[in-house]
Amino acid sequence: MSSFNLKLFDSRHQQCITGVSSFVGLDATGSFGILPYHARFMTTLVFGLARFSVDTDNWQYLAVPGAVLYFNNNELSISTRHFLIDTDFDRISSLLEQQCITEEDKLRATRESLGLMERAMLKRLLALKGKAA
């Protein structure tokens, strides 16, 4: 049976999975699949779940908050900030949901912090303008 290698890279570690027989992912245009000896291909995965099989019966799920995918010379490379792999769909879906909530909370806190900094800077500029007049 034909297969390819899957190399996963994130900010903390990398993982190589050999013997992958198929990969299904999702980009901005929709769902797509990759089989062994696919033509060279590059895209960006959206936030969510992809899946791959090492043997034809069992799927493993890959959760990513977006990623760059590149397939060349029968090797699939995926670079992302963070990834999770699990064979249980429900468990990885819950982990992905928790990760999404955490990222949204961090984004909200960052926006609030930027708003406070912007108001403080405007207040300071107005104070400087008053001294110059």
Protein backbone atom coordinates (compact mmCIF):
# COMPACT_ATOMS: atom_id res chain seq x y z
CA MET A 1 0.00 0.00 0.00
CA SER A 2 1.27 3.50 -0.87
CA SER A 3 1.82 6.06 1.85
CA PHE A 4 3.49 9.38 2.59
CA ASN A 5 5.11 11.11 5.57
CA LEU A 6 3.36 13.78 7.61
CA LYS A 7 5.60 16.33 9.36
CA LEU A 8 3.98 18.59 11.93
CA PHE A 9 5.73 21.71 13.24
CA ASP A 10 4.60 24.10 15.95
CA SER A 11 6.30 26.62 18.20
CA ARG A 12 7.26 24.01 20.79
CA HIS A 13 8.00 20.77 18.96
CA GLN A 14 7.79 18.75 15.78
CA GLN A 15 6.41 15.33 15.02
CA CYS A 16 6.87 12.99 12.07
CA ILE A 17 4.22 10.39 11.25
CA THR A 18 5.12 7.77 8.66
CA GLY A 19 2.83 5.54 6.65
CA VAL A 20 0.00 8.06 6.17
CA SER A 21 -2.42 6.78 3.51
CA SER A 22 -4.71 9.85 3.25
CA PHE A 23 -5.27 13.34 4.61
CA VAL A 24 -8.44 15.46 4.61
CA GLY A 25 -8.27 19.14 5.46
CA LEU A 26 -10.21 22.37 5.17
CA ASP A 27 -9.04 25.64 3.63
CA ALA A 28 -10.87 28.81 2.58
CA THR A 29 -12.22 27.11 -0.57
CA GLY A 30 -13.60 24.05 1.24
CA SER A 31 -12.63 20.48 2.02
CA PHE A 32 -9.85 18.69 0.12
CA GLY A 33 -8.00 15.39 0.25
CA ILE A 34 -4.42 14.29 -0.33
CA LEU A 35 -3.37 10.78 -1.30
CA PRO A 36 0.15 9.41 -1.81
CA TYR A 37 2.04 10.90 -4.78
CA HIS A 38 -0.29 13.89 -5.01
CA ALA A 39 1.05 16.78 -7.11
CA ARG A 40 2.88 19.58 -5.33
CA PHE A 41 0.31 21.52 -3.33
CA MET A 42 0.25 24.42 -0.88
CA THR A 43 -2.60 26.04 1.05
CA THR A 44 -3.53 27.46 4.42
CA LEU A 45 -5.74 25.43 6.72
CA VAL A 46 -8.50 27.26 8.58
CA PHE A 47 -9.13 26.95 12.32
CA GLY A 48 -10.58 23.52 12.94
CA LEU A 49 -10.08 19.81 12.50
CA ALA A 50 -8.30 17.88 9.78
CA ARG A 51 -7.96 14.12 9.72
CA PHE A 52 -5.52 11.53 8.43
CA SER A 53 -5.26 7.77 8.39
CA VAL A 54 -2.20 5.66 8.94
CA ASP A 55 -4.06 2.51 8.08
CA THR A 56 -7.20 2.52 5.99
CA ASP A 57 -9.63 1.88 8.87
CA ASN A 58 -8.58 4.27 11.64
CA TRP A 59 -8.72 8.08 11.46
CA GLN A 60 -6.66 10.38 13.63
CA TYR A 61 -7.82 13.96 14.10
CA LEU A 62 -5.58 17.00 13.94
CA ALA A 63 -6.75 20.24 15.56
CA VAL A 64 -5.06 23.45 14.38
CA PRO A 65 -5.77 27.16 14.89
CA GLY A 66 -4.86 27.72 11.24
CA ALA A 67 -1.76 26.38 9.51
CA VAL A 68 0.35 26.39 6.36
CA LEU A 69 0.23 23.08 4.50
CA TYR A 70 2.77 22.04 1.86
CA PHE A 71 2.88 18.72 -0.01
CA ASN A 72 5.91 17.87 -2.14
CA ASN A 73 7.90 14.73 -2.95
CA ASN A 74 5.40 12.54 -1.10
CA GLU A 75 5.83 14.49 2.14
CA LEU A 76 3.16 16.61 3.80
CA SER A 77 4.44 19.44 6.03
CA ILE A 78 2.12 21.41 8.28
CA SER A 79 3.37 24.46 10.19
CA THR A 80 1.17 26.01 12.87
CA ARG A 81 1.32 27.79 16.22
CA HIS A 82 -0.05 24.75 18.03
CA PHE A 83 -1.52 21.36 17.15
CA LEU A 84 -3.34 18.54 18.92
CA ILE A 85 -3.71 14.96 17.70
CA ASP A 86 -6.26 12.45 19.00
CA THR A 87 -8.12 9.40 17.74
CA ASP A 88 -11.30 10.35 19.63
CA PHE A 89 -13.38 12.90 17.70
CA ASP A 90 -15.44 14.04 20.71
CA ARG A 91 -12.41 14.53 22.94
CA ILE A 92 -10.42 16.53 20.38
CA SER A 93 -13.51 18.60 19.50
CA SER A 94 -13.84 19.57 23.17
CA LEU A 95 -10.14 20.44 23.37
CA LEU A 96 -10.43 22.55 20.21
CA GLU A 97 -13.47 24.36 21.62
CA GLN A 98 -11.59 25.10 24.86
CA GLN A 99 -8.63 26.37 22.84
CA CYS A 100 -10.94 28.62 20.81
CA ILE A 101 -12.52 30.08 23.95
CA THR A 102 -9.08 30.69 25.49
CA GLU A 103 -7.80 32.43 22.34
CA GLU A 104 -10.93 34.61 22.16
CA ASP A 105 -10.49 35.58 25.83
CA LYS A 106 -6.86 36.54 25.18
CA LEU A 107 -7.88 38.54 22.11
CA ARG A 108 -10.59 40.35 24.08
CA ALA A 109 -8.08 41.19 26.85
CA THR A 110 -5.59 42.47 24.27
CA ARG A 111 -8.24 44.69 22.67
CA GLU A 112 -9.21 46.08 26.07
CA SER A 113 -5.58 46.76 26.91
CA LEU A 114 -5.03 48.52 23.58
CA GLY A 115 -8.14 50.63 24.18
CA LEU A 116 -6.86 51.68 27.61
CA MET A 117 -3.46 52.53 26.17
CA GLU A 118 -5.07 54.55 23.36
CA ARG A 119 -7.21 56.55 25.81
CA ALA A 120 -4.22 57.20 28.07
CA MET A 121 -2.14 58.35 25.10
CA LEU A 122 -4.90 60.69 23.88
CA LYS A 123 -5.27 62.10 27.39
CA ARG A 124 -1.51 62.70 27.55
CA LEU A 125 -1.48 64.34 24.08
CA LEU A 126 -4.33 66.65 25.09
CA ALA A 127 -2.45 67.58 28.26
CA LEU A 128 0.70 68.35 26.24
CA LYS A 129 -1.35 70.39 23.77
CA GLY A 130 -2.80 72.44 26.64
CA LYS A 131 0.72 73.22 27.98
CA ALA A 132 1.93 74.31 24.52
CA ALA A 133 -0.89 76.87 24.05
